[in-house]
Amino acid sequence: MMRVLLIPLLLSALAPVAVAAAPRPLLRICTGAKGGGYHHVGVGLAKALADTVEVEVIQTHGSWENLEAIDQEPRRCDAVIAQEDAYALYQFEKPESRLTMDRMVTLYAEAVHLICNRTVQADDVAGLHPQRHRILVNQYGSGTYITWRLFGRLDPSFARYKASELPLEEGLLKVVDGVEAQCMVMVSQPGQGTARLADRGFGDKLKLLTIDAEALHAKVGRDRRPVYRTQPVDPQTYPRLLDKPRATQVVDAVFFASPQWKARHPDAAAALARALLTLVAELRTR
């Protein structure tokens, strides 16, 4: 009888012990407005890393807020997406900052769009009148706000223009109307988002102007290298805003990560690198 009782006890002792799964490390990514390019990248990474990393996609006003968030102590974000010129301007304006970030990858290039009402006679930014032409930029914290501010630092001729802050969509409405504002600046992937809407919906009222100034190619930041480069925009991208190719400036959107987060979670950091490789390869084929 004792032998019979011992058999279940031995079997239970040999049974595998259930081990609780280790919690996934948390990765907080500061992106941008919902529906925008940066937010799409964050959502894509969250899906790709779902099995290994708990990704929190944080909506923000854009590049500047992202840099402030990762520069705080403690950090509000473990990774950010930011325009390269935002990082350069941040170093200009906050020299006391000890911000450390690992540059992981360039996601894609963004174009600086100077869109004006067709009543404006100028074909390039140099032809705009500082008093007659009001220029709108997106609000503080956005990439557009940063780009226009750095333009003024690099080339004083840009500082002559009175730029007013307004949310992107409201700004486009005012430029289409052409009474209270004549031009607006937006930074985005060519042929995407609000710039695409401006072409498809209002190309009969709007046009794209040239932005080309050698001073914008000055070496900046701690790395001492240019953040802008000249690139033509083709009419195939904006068949209604353009009747011929026009030069503008492009700036890279970059994915940065906290070196401390990477050191604490080496396996998760490796998974993030693999996910970024796949994502950037997909972005290059679009």
Foldseek 3Di string as FASTA:
>chain_A
DVVVVVVVVVVVVPDDDDDDDDDAAEFEEEFEAPPAPRQVVQVLLCVLCVVHHHYHYHYDHAALVRQVQCQDVVHNGQKYKHWPLSQQVCCVVCVVGPDDWAFQDFQDKKFKWKKFWPVQPDQAPVSDDQPPAEEEEEDPHHRRVSVLVVCCVQDVVSVSHHYDYDHPVVRLVCRLVPDPHTIYIDIGHQLDDPVVCCQVPPLVTMATHADDDPSQQFQTDPVRGHFKDKDWDACVSRVSRDPGIGITIMGTITMIGHPVVCVVCVVVVVSSSVSSVVSSVVVVVD
